Amino acid sequence: MSHTSHTVLELDATAVLGLTEGINFKKSPAGKCFMIYKDKNTLRACRNQCKHQGGKFIKDIEDIDGRTVHCTNHNWKLNVATMQYVNPPDSFLQEELKVVKSEDGGLKLVELVPPEPWTVDSRPAQELQPGEVTLTYITHACMELKAGDKRMMFDPWLTGPAFARGWWLLHEPPSDAMDRLRQADLVYISHTHSDHLSYPSLKLLAQQRPDIPIYVGDTSRPVFWYLGRSGVNLTNISVVPFGVWYNHQKHKYLLDCTRPNNGCLPHGVDVMMSDFAGGASGFPMTFHKGKYTESWKRHFISRERKELLRYTANLVATLQPKVYCPFAGYFTEAHPSDRYIKNINTKNNPADLNEKIKNLCPHITTWTPLPGSVLDLALALTNQDDRDCITQPPSGTKILKDSWDFDLYVDELNAAISSKIFEHKSWIQFYYNWAGFKNYNLVIRVTETDDDFQPRDDGYDYLVDFLDLSFPSVRPQRERFYVEIQNRIGVMRHVVVNGLLWDDLYIGFNNRISREPDIYHHK
């Protein structure tokens, strides 16, 4: 499919003559914000929207040549003269708008609109009967979709932790959740993060049904890249492209998956589900020193939560789904050693988000799911009363978890501490050479710690210089980025032994970080 284009801002001749040298901030009648950079007779333009999380840019007080703006959310910086982000360094380009000048001296800013893959080979809408298509909430991001006589489960995190030992399920899955998973006609897993790709859950599944059909998207990193080392025996995994129909048992079940498509999303869908909670990153809870005081963190988290609520509510109002459900945010930092994180990392309440959406769009059906609650799509599309289309779990159903079997999973992680490879310091050079990250002016100091982030006498404390992938004994004095990382020894060594991503350390809140200067390192 080809791109289309549309005009997002028009300026008459007087407004064009009023453009000053350097950065000009403009707003359309619809309230959309733009930036126009003027250098003599040359004009460049873009939306005033940061690529990170959509924050607004303002002039940067440290900019002396009138070219740089910074985002009010996370201090990302953009050189509008080049459309290159300077913080994070060596990272992104901003998407430009085409500047079209008219004969009368005015101009238009024209934006290319991405193609809409969901419109290709579109299927006619079918009238549904009550009970024909239902969604049952299991826990976190796991739902059971029943269409006719076929059932699909997606992102089944039903047991154990995610991100090493940092995330635990907030909701108690229905007592028959694992049976539902074993009996499903197919399972869809969206991506590699362990709150969606849960190896503890898949291990139980594989013991009874290793040949269950599992579908994953054709992503740049294979979803099951770790399967061979996981000890999970699954034998029927299919990789399918995004943006096309895929028939599972032809004429019986359809699975249509499209990527976010650079923010161009379909309008008027029957059901929209999205995350809502916030707090899914290590930033800023795991950061310390410098500005990262307790009051700064609490203020930042409060602001971020409000911004996420506002953004999500407005997105739902723009896309106008018939039903909206907040999901994929029902986790908690339950382990006693993470009490500090749990207390400071407060999350949004899904009921608050749905109330906000109802105030904006009373006609949209909102669903705040509880384990075992069921949405009947036919009733949702024909009846505006939310209560008629949603069946709540039976009275007395356990909603929140109160035990997590910590020892079983934490002991499994800590078993890596005594691995023989750590008897020899040469593992450090071997590991980082294996990882292969280099040619970047960054030095890190890694310290292995106990659960309270105190250095262990039997732990390693070392430096890595990624400019030439060397391991100096003292901190280099040249001008460079410097990051200190304190890692819980059990998680660090588990990650090393199994060749895992450092997401387990960072997103799992299993480290503490300080950096000089305080700049996000994109690479």
Protein backbone atom coordinates (compact mmCIF):
# COMPACT_ATOMS: atom_id res chain seq x y z
CA MET A 1 0.00 0.00 0.00
CA SER A 2 1.20 3.54 -0.72
CA HIS A 3 1.21 6.55 1.58
CA THR A 4 -1.37 9.29 1.22
CA SER A 5 -0.93 12.91 2.28
CA HIS A 6 -2.93 15.69 3.87
CA THR A 7 -2.41 19.31 4.87
CA VAL A 8 -1.97 19.81 8.63
CA LEU A 9 -1.28 23.56 8.78
CA GLU A 10 -1.72 26.55 6.45
CA LEU A 11 -0.09 29.98 6.84
CA ASP A 12 -1.06 33.00 4.77
CA ALA A 13 1.52 35.38 3.26
CA THR A 14 1.47 37.70 6.29
CA ALA A 15 2.16 34.84 8.69
CA VAL A 16 4.99 33.58 6.47
CA LEU A 17 6.60 37.03 6.46
CA GLY A 18 6.33 37.02 10.24
CA LEU A 19 8.46 33.88 10.63
CA THR A 20 11.69 34.74 12.42
CA GLU A 21 15.13 33.25 11.90
CA GLY A 22 15.46 30.07 13.94
CA ILE A 23 12.63 28.15 15.60
CA ASN A 24 8.97 29.20 15.26
CA PHE A 25 6.20 27.53 17.27
CA LYS A 26 2.82 27.36 15.54
CA LYS A 27 -0.61 25.94 16.38
CA SER A 28 -3.36 24.90 13.97
CA PRO A 29 -7.04 25.88 14.44
CA ALA A 30 -7.58 22.31 15.65
CA GLY A 31 -5.03 22.84 18.43
CA LYS A 32 -2.21 20.74 16.95
CA CYS A 33 1.30 22.07 17.57
CA PHE A 34 4.12 22.44 15.03
CA MET A 35 7.65 23.81 14.73
CA ILE A 36 9.04 25.64 11.69
CA TYR A 37 12.77 26.31 11.41
CA LYS A 38 13.83 29.22 9.21
CA ASP A 39 17.37 29.71 7.93
CA LYS A 40 17.40 32.59 5.41
CA ASN A 41 15.21 31.24 2.59
CA THR A 42 15.17 27.62 3.79
CA LEU A 43 12.24 26.24 5.82
CA ARG A 44 11.97 22.90 7.65
CA ALA A 45 8.98 21.79 9.70
CA CYS A 46 7.77 19.01 11.98
CA ARG A 47 5.12 18.27 14.56
CA ASN A 48 5.86 19.54 18.07
CA GLN A 49 5.76 16.04 19.47
CA CYS A 50 8.64 14.06 20.96
CA LYS A 51 9.23 10.59 19.52
CA HIS A 52 9.60 9.13 23.01
CA GLN A 53 6.21 9.57 24.62
CA GLY A 54 4.66 12.43 22.69
CA GLY A 55 5.70 15.29 24.97
CA LYS A 56 5.81 18.94 23.84
CA PHE A 57 9.05 20.73 23.01
CA ILE A 58 10.02 24.16 24.31
CA LYS A 59 13.11 26.28 23.68
CA ASP A 60 16.16 24.94 25.48
CA ILE A 61 17.78 27.47 27.83
CA GLU A 62 21.18 25.86 27.17
CA ASP A 63 20.84 26.43 23.41
CA ILE A 64 22.96 29.34 22.22
CA ASP A 65 22.41 29.15 18.46
CA GLY A 66 18.61 28.98 18.38
CA ARG A 67 18.40 25.48 16.98
CA THR A 68 17.62 23.16 19.88
CA VAL A 69 14.43 22.44 21.82
CA HIS A 70 13.89 20.08 24.74
CA CYS A 71 10.92 17.92 25.69
CA THR A 72 9.13 18.90 28.88
CA ASN A 73 8.54 15.24 29.76
CA HIS A 74 11.99 13.61 29.83
CA ASN A 75 14.39 16.30 28.55
CA TRP A 76 14.98 14.70 25.17
CA LYS A 77 16.55 17.33 22.89
CA LEU A 78 15.98 17.94 19.19
CA ASN A 79 18.05 20.06 16.81
CA VAL A 80 15.29 21.46 14.61
CA ALA A 81 17.82 22.67 12.01
CA THR A 82 18.87 19.07 11.30
CA MET A 83 15.82 17.20 12.69
CA GLN A 84 18.32 15.04 14.62
CA TYR A 85 17.86 14.22 18.30
CA VAL A 86 20.95 15.24 20.28
CA ASN A 87 19.75 13.60 23.49
CA PRO A 88 19.71 10.66 23.28
CA PRO A 89 22.93 11.07 21.31
CA ASP A 90 23.39 9.36 17.93
CA SER A 91 19.78 8.21 17.88
CA PHE A 92 16.68 9.29 16.00
CA LEU A 93 15.58 11.61 13.25
CA GLN A 94 12.33 13.54 13.62
CA GLU A 95 9.77 12.92 10.87
CA GLU A 96 9.57 16.06 8.75
CA LEU A 97 6.56 17.71 7.18
CA LYS A 98 6.76 18.83 3.57
CA VAL A 99 6.75 22.63 3.19
CA VAL A 100 4.73 23.60 0.09
CA LYS A 101 4.84 27.29 -0.89
CA SER A 102 1.95 28.87 -2.79
CA GLU A 103 2.05 31.61 -5.43
CA ASP A 104 0.45 34.16 -3.10
CA GLY A 105 3.30 33.83 -0.58
CA GLY A 106 1.56 31.49 1.83
CA LEU A 107 2.56 27.93 2.63
CA LYS A 108 1.14 24.56 3.60
CA LEU A 109 2.65 21.87 5.84
CA VAL A 110 1.85 18.49 4.31
CA GLU A 111 2.14 15.19 6.18
CA LEU A 112 2.48 11.72 4.69
CA VAL A 113 -0.06 9.34 6.20
CA PRO A 114 1.11 5.72 6.67
CA PRO A 115 -0.83 3.01 4.82
CA GLU A 116 -3.62 1.25 6.66
CA PRO A 117 -3.03 -2.50 6.37
CA TRP A 118 -6.32 -3.33 8.07
CA THR A 119 -8.17 -1.99 5.03
CA VAL A 120 -6.55 -4.55 2.70
CA ASP A 121 -8.78 -7.54 1.97
CA SER A 122 -11.29 -6.23 4.50
CA ARG A 123 -14.05 -8.64 5.49
CA PRO A 124 -17.71 -7.65 5.65
CA ALA A 125 -19.14 -7.17 9.12
CA GLN A 126 -21.30 -10.05 10.29
CA GLU A 127 -24.24 -9.89 12.63
CA LEU A 128 -23.36 -11.63 15.88
CA GLN A 129 -25.62 -13.70 18.08
CA PRO A 130 -25.37 -13.45 21.88
CA GLY A 131 -22.64 -15.78 23.12
CA GLU A 132 -21.04 -16.16 19.68
CA VAL A 133 -17.98 -13.99 20.41
CA THR A 134 -16.86 -13.49 24.01
CA LEU A 135 -13.76 -12.22 25.79
CA THR A 136 -12.86 -13.62 29.21
CA TYR A 137 -10.26 -11.79 31.29
CA ILE A 138 -7.77 -14.15 32.92
CA THR A 139 -5.04 -11.93 34.41
CA HIS A 140 -2.67 -9.07 33.43
CA ALA A 141 -2.53 -9.24 29.59
CA CYS A 142 -4.06 -12.70 29.25
CA MET A 143 -7.49 -12.98 27.67
CA GLU A 144 -9.48 -15.89 26.27
CA LEU A 145 -11.26 -15.08 23.02
CA LYS A 146 -14.09 -17.40 21.99
CA ALA A 147 -15.33 -17.11 18.41
CA GLY A 148 -17.95 -19.66 17.49
CA ASP A 149 -16.61 -23.05 18.54
CA LYS A 150 -12.95 -21.97 18.59
CA ARG A 151 -11.04 -20.52 21.52
CA MET A 152 -7.82 -18.52 21.54
CA MET A 153 -5.66 -17.46 24.49
CA PHE A 154 -3.10 -14.71 24.28
CA ASP A 155 -0.10 -13.71 26.39
CA PRO A 156 -0.64 -16.35 29.10
CA TRP A 157 1.27 -15.25 32.21
CA LEU A 158 -0.47 -17.47 34.75
CA THR A 159 2.20 -18.33 37.31
CA GLY A 160 5.61 -17.29 38.59
CA PRO A 161 7.31 -13.89 38.28
CA ALA A 162 8.17 -11.76 35.27
CA PHE A 163 11.42 -9.85 34.73
CA ALA A 164 13.41 -12.26 36.91
CA ARG A 165 11.82 -11.62 40.32
CA GLY A 166 10.60 -8.04 39.97
CA TRP A 167 7.00 -8.43 38.79
CA TRP A 168 4.34 -10.69 40.27
CA LEU A 169 0.70 -11.14 39.31
CA LEU A 170 -1.70 -8.76 41.02
CA HIS A 171 -4.82 -10.78 40.18
CA GLU A 172 -5.49 -14.40 41.06
CA PRO A 173 -6.18 -16.19 37.76
CA PRO A 174 -9.43 -18.20 37.64
CA SER A 175 -8.95 -21.66 39.13
CA ASP A 176 -9.41 -23.26 35.70
CA ALA A 177 -7.03 -20.88 33.88
CA MET A 178 -4.38 -23.51 33.13
CA ASP A 179 -7.04 -25.96 31.94
CA ARG A 180 -8.40 -23.26 29.61
CA LEU A 181 -4.90 -22.74 28.24
CA ARG A 182 -4.32 -26.46 27.62
CA GLN A 183 -7.66 -26.79 25.84
CA ALA A 184 -7.30 -23.68 23.64
CA ASP A 185 -7.31 -24.09 19.87
CA LEU A 186 -4.40 -21.68 19.59
CA VAL A 187 -2.22 -19.36 21.66
CA TYR A 188 -0.96 -15.95 20.51
CA ILE A 189 2.11 -14.38 22.14
CA SER A 190 2.76 -10.75 21.26
CA HIS A 191 6.41 -10.14 22.21
CA THR A 192 9.41 -11.24 24.26
CA HIS A 193 8.79 -9.44 27.54
CA SER A 194 8.27 -12.01 30.25
CA ASP A 195 4.92 -10.61 31.41
CA HIS A 196 3.66 -11.73 27.97
CA LEU A 197 6.06 -14.59 27.15
CA SER A 198 6.00 -16.43 30.49
CA TYR A 199 8.28 -19.45 30.47
CA PRO A 200 7.03 -20.71 33.88
CA SER A 201 3.51 -20.79 32.41
CA LEU A 202 4.61 -22.34 29.10
CA LYS A 203 6.62 -24.99 30.94
CA LEU A 204 3.43 -26.23 32.62
CA LEU A 205 1.60 -26.09 29.29
CA ALA A 206 4.29 -28.05 27.45
CA GLN A 207 4.20 -30.87 29.98
CA GLN A 208 0.69 -31.83 28.85
CA ARG A 209 0.32 -30.33 25.38
CA PRO A 210 3.65 -29.58 23.68
CA ASP A 211 2.04 -29.52 20.21
CA ILE A 212 -0.52 -26.78 20.94
CA PRO A 213 -0.56 -24.29 18.00
CA ILE A 214 1.27 -21.12 19.04
CA TYR A 215 1.40 -18.03 16.83
CA VAL A 216 3.81 -15.11 17.08
CA GLY A 217 4.33 -12.01 14.97
CA ASP A 218 7.24 -11.66 12.55
CA THR A 219 9.27 -9.26 14.72
CA SER A 220 12.91 -8.23 14.34
CA ARG A 221 13.87 -10.27 17.42
CA PRO A 222 12.28 -13.72 17.32
CA VAL A 223 9.75 -14.09 20.12
CA PHE A 224 11.11 -17.52 21.01
CA TRP A 225 14.80 -16.62 20.66
CA TYR A 226 15.44 -18.15 24.12
CA LEU A 227 13.40 -21.33 23.59
CA GLY A 228 16.37 -23.66 23.17
CA ARG A 229 17.81 -22.76 26.59
CA SER A 230 14.50 -22.49 28.41
CA GLY A 231 13.84 -26.19 28.97
CA VAL A 232 10.36 -25.73 27.48
CA ASN A 233 9.43 -28.25 24.78
CA LEU A 234 6.98 -26.59 22.39
CA THR A 235 6.81 -28.08 18.91
CA ASN A 236 4.15 -26.16 16.96
CA ILE A 237 5.17 -22.50 16.69
CA SER A 238 4.17 -20.45 13.63
CA VAL A 239 5.57 -17.02 12.73
CA VAL A 240 3.00 -14.93 10.83
CA PRO A 241 3.36 -11.49 9.20
CA PHE A 242 1.56 -8.44 10.55
CA GLY A 243 -1.22 -6.74 8.63
CA VAL A 244 -2.68 -9.78 6.90
CA TRP A 245 -5.45 -12.27 7.61
CA TYR A 246 -4.32 -15.65 8.80
CA ASN A 247 -6.74 -18.57 8.68
CA HIS A 248 -6.45 -21.12 11.46
CA GLN A 249 -8.46 -24.14 10.30
CA LYS A 250 -9.94 -22.40 7.27
CA HIS A 251 -13.47 -21.00 7.56
CA LYS A 252 -13.39 -21.51 11.33
CA TYR A 253 -11.18 -18.85 12.89
CA LEU A 254 -9.50 -15.62 11.76
CA LEU A 255 -6.54 -13.92 13.38
CA ASP A 256 -5.71 -10.38 12.22
CA CYS A 257 -2.74 -8.62 13.80
CA THR A 258 -1.51 -5.17 12.78
CA ARG A 259 1.38 -3.20 14.20
CA PRO A 260 0.95 0.31 15.61
CA ASN A 261 1.81 1.68 12.15
CA ASN A 262 3.59 4.83 13.32
CA GLY A 263 0.56 5.96 15.30
CA CYS A 264 -1.94 5.53 12.47
CA LEU A 265 -4.55 3.29 14.06
CA PRO A 266 -7.98 2.09 12.91
CA HIS A 267 -11.06 4.01 13.99
CA GLY A 268 -14.35 2.57 15.17
CA VAL A 269 -13.14 -0.95 16.03
CA ASP A 270 -15.42 -3.12 18.13
CA VAL A 271 -12.99 -3.68 21.01
CA MET A 272 -9.86 -1.73 21.97
CA MET A 273 -7.55 -2.84 24.77
CA SER A 274 -4.44 -1.02 25.95
CA ASP A 275 -2.09 -0.66 28.90
CA PHE A 276 -2.97 1.97 31.48
CA ALA A 277 -0.97 1.52 34.66
CA GLY A 278 2.45 3.08 34.11
CA GLY A 279 5.37 2.08 36.30
CA ALA A 280 6.59 -0.59 33.89
CA SER A 281 10.07 0.91 33.51
CA GLY A 282 13.04 1.03 35.84
CA PHE A 283 13.08 4.81 35.45
CA PRO A 284 13.20 6.62 37.79
CA MET A 285 12.65 4.18 40.67
CA THR A 286 15.99 2.42 40.27
CA PHE A 287 17.96 5.67 39.83
CA HIS A 288 19.76 7.44 42.67
CA LYS A 289 22.20 10.28 43.37
CA GLY A 290 22.00 13.74 41.83
CA LYS A 291 18.44 15.00 41.35
CA TYR A 292 16.87 11.61 42.11
CA THR A 293 15.63 12.41 45.60
CA GLU A 294 12.52 10.74 47.00
CA SER A 295 10.45 13.89 46.48
CA TRP A 296 11.64 14.23 42.86
CA LYS A 297 10.72 10.62 42.11
CA ARG A 298 7.27 10.92 43.65
CA HIS A 299 6.55 14.12 41.77
CA PHE A 300 7.76 12.61 38.48
CA ILE A 301 5.71 9.42 38.90
CA SER A 302 2.58 11.38 39.82
CA ARG A 303 2.97 13.60 36.75
CA GLU A 304 3.64 10.62 34.48
CA ARG A 305 0.56 8.78 35.74
CA LYS A 306 -1.67 11.79 35.06
CA GLU A 307 -0.15 12.26 31.61
CA LEU A 308 -0.70 8.58 30.75
CA LEU A 309 -4.35 8.81 31.85
CA ARG A 310 -4.86 11.94 29.79
CA TYR A 311 -3.12 10.50 26.74
CA THR A 312 -4.97 7.18 26.84
CA ALA A 313 -8.38 8.77 27.40
CA ASN A 314 -7.83 11.17 24.49
CA LEU A 315 -6.59 8.35 22.25
CA VAL A 316 -9.73 6.32 22.99
CA ALA A 317 -11.87 9.39 22.31
CA THR A 318 -10.09 9.88 18.98
CA LEU A 319 -10.31 6.25 17.83
CA GLN A 320 -13.91 5.78 19.00
CA PRO A 321 -13.98 2.02 19.70
CA LYS A 322 -17.32 0.58 20.70
CA VAL A 323 -15.79 -1.12 23.76
CA TYR A 324 -12.62 -0.13 25.66
CA CYS A 325 -10.80 -2.28 28.22
CA PRO A 326 -7.65 -1.30 30.16
CA PHE A 327 -5.40 -4.34 30.59
CA ALA A 328 -1.71 -5.42 30.72
CA GLY A 329 -1.04 -3.43 33.90
CA TYR A 330 -2.11 -5.75 36.67
CA PHE A 331 1.23 -6.52 38.28
CA THR A 332 2.78 -5.77 41.66
CA GLU A 333 6.26 -5.67 43.18
CA ALA A 334 5.25 -8.23 45.77
CA HIS A 335 8.59 -9.59 47.00
CA PRO A 336 9.44 -8.23 50.49
CA SER A 337 12.84 -6.99 49.29
CA ASP A 338 11.05 -4.70 46.80
CA ARG A 339 8.83 -2.94 49.31
CA TYR A 340 10.52 0.39 48.52
CA ILE A 341 9.70 0.04 44.81
CA LYS A 342 6.12 -1.00 45.54
CA ASN A 343 5.57 2.02 47.79
CA ILE A 344 6.97 4.61 45.39
CA ASN A 345 5.91 3.05 42.07
CA THR A 346 2.21 3.84 42.34
CA LYS A 347 0.12 2.97 39.29
CA ASN A 348 -3.07 4.21 37.67
CA ASN A 349 -6.43 2.80 38.66
CA PRO A 350 -8.24 1.35 35.61
CA ALA A 351 -11.60 2.47 37.01
CA ASP A 352 -10.32 6.07 37.06
CA LEU A 353 -9.33 5.81 33.40
CA ASN A 354 -12.69 4.36 32.40
CA GLU A 355 -14.50 7.13 34.28
CA LYS A 356 -12.43 9.69 32.38
CA ILE A 357 -13.36 8.02 29.09
CA LYS A 358 -17.03 7.93 30.04
CA ASN A 359 -16.95 11.67 30.73
CA LEU A 360 -15.48 12.27 27.26
CA CYS A 361 -17.56 9.67 25.39
CA PRO A 362 -20.61 8.39 27.29
CA HIS A 363 -21.54 6.10 24.37
CA ILE A 364 -18.34 3.99 24.62
CA THR A 365 -18.79 0.83 26.69
CA THR A 366 -15.98 0.55 29.24
CA TRP A 367 -14.91 -2.67 30.93
CA THR A 368 -12.77 -2.80 34.08
CA PRO A 369 -11.96 -6.51 34.04
CA LEU A 370 -11.81 -8.85 37.02
CA PRO A 371 -10.48 -12.43 36.77
CA GLY A 372 -13.17 -14.55 35.12
CA SER A 373 -15.35 -11.64 33.99
CA VAL A 374 -16.79 -12.05 30.47
CA LEU A 375 -17.67 -9.54 27.75
CA ASP A 376 -20.32 -10.65 25.26
CA LEU A 377 -19.53 -8.73 22.08
CA ALA A 378 -22.96 -9.11 20.47
CA LEU A 379 -24.64 -7.60 23.52
CA ALA A 380 -22.01 -4.85 23.74
CA LEU A 381 -22.67 -3.79 20.14
CA THR A 382 -26.45 -3.70 20.49
CA ASN A 383 -26.93 -2.49 24.08
CA GLN A 384 -25.41 0.68 25.52
CA ASP A 385 -25.85 -0.51 29.10
CA ASP A 386 -22.47 -1.83 30.23
CA ARG A 387 -24.04 -4.09 32.84
CA ASP A 388 -25.96 -6.19 30.32
CA CYS A 389 -22.97 -7.20 28.21
CA ILE A 390 -20.49 -7.95 31.03
CA THR A 391 -20.79 -10.94 33.33
CA GLN A 392 -18.88 -10.44 36.57
CA PRO A 393 -17.18 -13.36 38.36
CA PRO A 394 -19.31 -15.21 40.92
CA SER A 395 -19.63 -13.72 44.37
CA GLY A 396 -16.76 -14.80 46.60
CA THR A 397 -14.29 -15.20 43.74
CA LYS A 398 -10.74 -14.43 44.85
CA ILE A 399 -9.62 -11.31 42.96
CA LEU A 400 -6.23 -10.30 44.38
CA LYS A 401 -3.34 -12.65 45.00
CA ASP A 402 -1.97 -12.89 48.53
CA SER A 403 0.79 -15.50 48.04
CA TRP A 404 3.33 -15.98 45.24
CA ASP A 405 5.61 -18.92 46.11
CA PHE A 406 8.64 -16.65 46.25
CA ASP A 407 11.20 -19.21 47.37
CA LEU A 408 10.64 -21.58 44.45
CA TYR A 409 11.49 -18.97 41.82
CA VAL A 410 14.06 -16.89 43.72
CA ASP A 411 16.01 -20.02 44.67
CA GLU A 412 16.06 -21.03 41.00
CA LEU A 413 17.56 -17.66 40.07
CA ASN A 414 20.08 -17.73 42.90
CA ALA A 415 21.32 -21.14 41.82
CA ALA A 416 23.38 -19.28 39.21
CA ILE A 417 25.49 -17.66 41.94
CA SER A 418 27.47 -20.85 42.47
CA SER A 419 28.01 -21.56 38.78
CA LYS A 420 31.63 -22.60 38.22
CA ILE A 421 32.24 -19.96 35.55
CA PHE A 422 32.21 -17.27 38.25
CA GLU A 423 35.19 -18.86 40.01
CA HIS A 424 37.40 -17.20 37.38
CA LYS A 425 37.44 -13.44 36.71
CA SER A 426 37.99 -14.17 33.03
CA TRP A 427 34.20 -14.64 32.70
CA ILE A 428 33.87 -10.85 32.58
CA GLN A 429 35.94 -10.42 29.42
CA PHE A 430 34.38 -13.50 27.83
CA TYR A 431 30.81 -12.33 28.53
CA TYR A 432 31.12 -8.76 27.24
CA ASN A 433 33.01 -9.90 24.15
CA TRP A 434 30.22 -12.41 23.54
CA ALA A 435 27.59 -9.63 23.92
CA GLY A 436 29.52 -7.65 21.30
CA PHE A 437 28.48 -4.11 22.26
CA LYS A 438 31.33 -1.65 21.56
CA ASN A 439 32.42 1.50 19.73
CA TYR A 440 30.46 3.75 22.08
CA ASN A 441 32.04 6.32 24.41
CA LEU A 442 30.58 4.83 27.57
CA VAL A 443 32.22 3.41 30.69
CA ILE A 444 30.22 1.39 33.19
CA ARG A 445 31.06 0.17 36.65
CA VAL A 446 29.18 -2.97 37.66
CA THR A 447 28.98 -4.06 41.29
CA GLU A 448 27.36 -7.32 42.44
CA THR A 449 25.22 -6.77 45.54
CA ASP A 450 22.87 -8.43 47.99
CA ASP A 451 19.10 -7.87 47.90
CA ASP A 452 19.53 -4.48 49.62
CA PHE A 453 22.09 -3.34 47.03
CA GLN A 454 25.03 -3.57 49.40
CA PRO A 455 28.27 -4.88 47.79
CA ARG A 456 28.92 -8.53 48.54
CA ASP A 457 32.35 -9.63 49.72
CA ASP A 458 32.24 -12.53 47.27
CA GLY A 459 30.89 -10.41 44.39
CA TYR A 460 32.69 -8.79 41.49
CA ASP A 461 33.24 -5.05 41.04
CA TYR A 462 34.59 -4.13 37.62
CA LEU A 463 34.78 -1.52 34.87
CA VAL A 464 33.92 -1.93 31.18
CA ASP A 465 35.04 0.65 28.59
CA PHE A 466 32.81 0.16 25.54
CA LEU A 467 34.87 2.47 23.35
CA ASP A 468 37.41 -0.31 22.79
CA LEU A 469 35.79 -3.06 24.88
CA SER A 470 38.55 -3.03 27.46
CA PHE A 471 38.38 -3.67 31.21
CA PRO A 472 40.44 -1.00 32.99
CA SER A 473 41.37 -1.26 36.63
CA VAL A 474 40.70 2.45 37.24
CA ARG A 475 38.11 4.82 35.82
CA PRO A 476 39.38 6.45 32.58
CA GLN A 477 39.86 10.22 32.85
CA ARG A 478 38.90 11.18 29.28
CA GLU A 479 35.60 12.92 28.55
CA ARG A 480 32.99 10.17 28.28
CA PHE A 481 29.63 8.95 29.61
CA TYR A 482 29.87 7.09 32.91
CA VAL A 483 27.25 4.85 34.52
CA GLU A 484 27.41 3.00 37.83
CA ILE A 485 25.17 -0.08 38.05
CA GLN A 486 24.61 -2.11 41.21
CA ASN A 487 23.07 -5.49 40.32
CA ARG A 488 21.58 -8.11 42.59
CA ILE A 489 24.03 -10.96 42.29
CA GLY A 490 21.49 -13.75 41.74
CA VAL A 491 19.72 -11.99 38.89
CA MET A 492 22.95 -10.73 37.33
CA ARG A 493 24.51 -14.17 37.23
CA HIS A 494 21.30 -15.82 36.01
CA VAL A 495 21.24 -13.31 33.14
CA VAL A 496 24.90 -14.01 32.32
CA VAL A 497 24.70 -17.81 32.51
CA ASN A 498 21.64 -17.92 30.26
CA GLY A 499 22.56 -15.09 27.88
CA LEU A 500 19.41 -13.12 28.71
CA LEU A 501 18.52 -9.47 28.10
CA TRP A 502 19.27 -6.93 30.81
CA ASP A 503 15.54 -6.16 30.88
CA ASP A 504 15.39 -8.60 33.81
CA LEU A 505 17.70 -6.30 35.75
CA TYR A 506 16.32 -2.93 34.72
CA ILE A 507 12.59 -3.43 34.15
CA GLY A 508 12.61 -5.95 37.01
CA PHE A 509 13.92 -3.30 39.46
CA ASN A 510 16.88 -5.55 40.29
CA ASN A 511 19.51 -2.84 40.06
CA ARG A 512 20.35 0.70 41.12
CA ILE A 513 21.78 3.15 38.59
CA SER A 514 23.55 6.52 38.59
CA ARG A 515 24.97 8.26 35.53
CA GLU A 516 27.31 11.13 34.67
CA PRO A 517 26.11 13.16 32.86
CA ASP A 518 22.45 12.37 33.47
CA ILE A 519 21.68 11.48 29.84
CA TYR A 520 19.64 8.60 28.44
CA HIS A 521 21.84 6.21 26.44
CA HIS A 522 19.84 5.14 23.41
CA LYS A 523 22.36 2.52 22.29
